[in-house]
Amino acid sequence: MNFGSAAIELCGYCGPGLPPYNTSVLGNIFDMTEIGPTSRARTAIFSDENGVIIADNQIYVRGAVDPNVTGIALAEPCLDVNVPRQPDP
């Protein structure tokens, strides 16, 4: 549960060390519900890296829609990224 904060960031500019590559984010549940008095902008899964698979995750906010929540954000220069669309029920 990631109340009021970002959850997963796959980025090369976030700190020292090598950037992630060939990373999978699979089968997670992200509760992005804000518990504080003010909702802040936050993203469940962010990636600007190559070779990433993002699949079979559940991302939700309890209660009313929160316009400050982004489920999945992809940014340049990511290449070879696979985010399969879930079939309609």
Protein backbone atom coordinates (compact mmCIF):
# COMPACT_ATOMS: atom_id res chain seq x y z
CA MET A 1 0.00 0.00 0.00
CA ASN A 2 1.49 3.27 -1.11
CA PHE A 3 -0.66 5.79 0.70
CA GLY A 4 0.13 9.24 -0.59
CA SER A 5 3.45 8.42 -2.27
CA ALA A 6 4.91 7.05 -5.48
CA ALA A 7 5.40 3.29 -5.65
CA ILE A 8 7.93 2.08 -8.26
CA GLU A 9 10.34 4.25 -10.25
CA LEU A 10 12.57 2.68 -12.88
CA CYS A 11 14.84 5.52 -13.86
CA GLY A 12 18.49 6.12 -14.54
CA TYR A 13 18.53 9.66 -13.23
CA CYS A 14 17.07 8.92 -9.77
CA GLY A 15 20.41 8.31 -8.11
CA PRO A 16 23.87 6.83 -8.38
CA GLY A 17 24.52 3.40 -9.87
CA LEU A 18 23.53 1.62 -13.02
CA PRO A 19 20.02 2.14 -14.45
CA PRO A 20 17.67 -0.85 -14.46
CA TYR A 21 17.39 -2.86 -17.67
CA ASN A 22 15.29 -5.91 -18.55
CA THR A 23 13.08 -5.31 -15.53
CA SER A 24 9.63 -6.82 -14.92
CA VAL A 25 6.89 -5.33 -12.74
CA LEU A 26 4.38 -8.18 -12.51
CA GLY A 27 1.42 -9.16 -10.33
CA ASN A 28 1.39 -6.28 -7.84
CA ILE A 29 -1.48 -4.51 -6.11
CA PHE A 30 -1.06 -0.74 -5.71
CA ASP A 31 -3.45 1.04 -3.36
CA MET A 32 -2.78 4.69 -4.20
CA THR A 33 -5.37 6.08 -1.75
CA GLU A 34 -4.29 9.30 -0.02
CA ILE A 35 -4.57 9.16 3.77
CA GLY A 36 -3.29 12.67 4.52
CA PRO A 37 -5.28 15.89 4.47
CA THR A 38 -4.00 16.96 1.02
CA SER A 39 -3.60 14.75 -2.03
CA ARG A 40 -0.20 15.00 -3.70
CA ALA A 41 0.72 14.04 -7.26
CA ARG A 42 1.94 10.43 -7.38
CA THR A 43 2.47 7.61 -9.86
CA ALA A 44 2.14 3.88 -9.22
CA ILE A 45 4.69 2.79 -11.87
CA PHE A 46 7.09 5.16 -13.65
CA SER A 47 9.70 4.08 -16.21
CA ASP A 48 12.07 5.80 -18.60
CA GLU A 49 14.25 2.71 -19.05
CA ASN A 50 14.56 0.12 -21.82
CA GLY A 51 13.49 -3.52 -21.77
CA VAL A 52 10.70 -3.20 -19.20
CA ILE A 53 7.63 -5.44 -18.88
CA ILE A 54 4.69 -4.08 -16.87
CA ALA A 55 1.83 -6.58 -16.64
CA ASP A 56 -0.89 -8.06 -14.43
CA ASN A 57 -0.83 -5.25 -11.86
CA GLN A 58 -3.84 -3.76 -10.07
CA ILE A 59 -3.75 -0.02 -9.46
CA TYR A 60 -6.62 1.65 -7.63
CA VAL A 61 -7.78 4.46 -5.36
CA ARG A 62 -10.48 3.78 -2.78
CA GLY A 63 -13.41 6.18 -2.77
CA ALA A 64 -13.68 9.11 -5.17
CA VAL A 65 -11.49 9.55 -8.21
CA ASP A 66 -8.17 11.25 -7.36
CA PRO A 67 -6.90 13.38 -10.27
CA ASN A 68 -3.43 13.44 -8.69
CA VAL A 69 -2.87 9.72 -9.30
CA THR A 70 -1.27 8.36 -12.47
CA GLY A 71 -1.33 4.59 -12.88
CA ILE A 72 1.53 3.99 -15.34
CA ALA A 73 3.79 6.69 -16.77
CA LEU A 74 6.31 6.03 -19.54
CA ALA A 75 8.83 8.68 -20.51
CA GLU A 76 11.50 9.09 -23.13
CA PRO A 77 13.92 7.53 -23.95
CA CYS A 78 12.35 4.14 -23.09
CA LEU A 79 12.46 1.53 -25.87
CA ASP A 80 11.36 -2.11 -26.04
CA VAL A 81 8.65 -1.66 -23.37
CA ASN A 82 5.77 -4.12 -23.08
CA VAL A 83 2.56 -3.04 -21.31
CA PRO A 84 -0.12 -5.47 -22.53
CA ARG A 85 -3.72 -4.32 -22.61
CA GLN A 86 -6.02 -6.32 -20.36
CA PRO A 87 -9.00 -7.90 -22.14
CA ASP A 88 -12.43 -6.45 -21.39
CA PRO A 89 -14.39 -8.59 -18.88
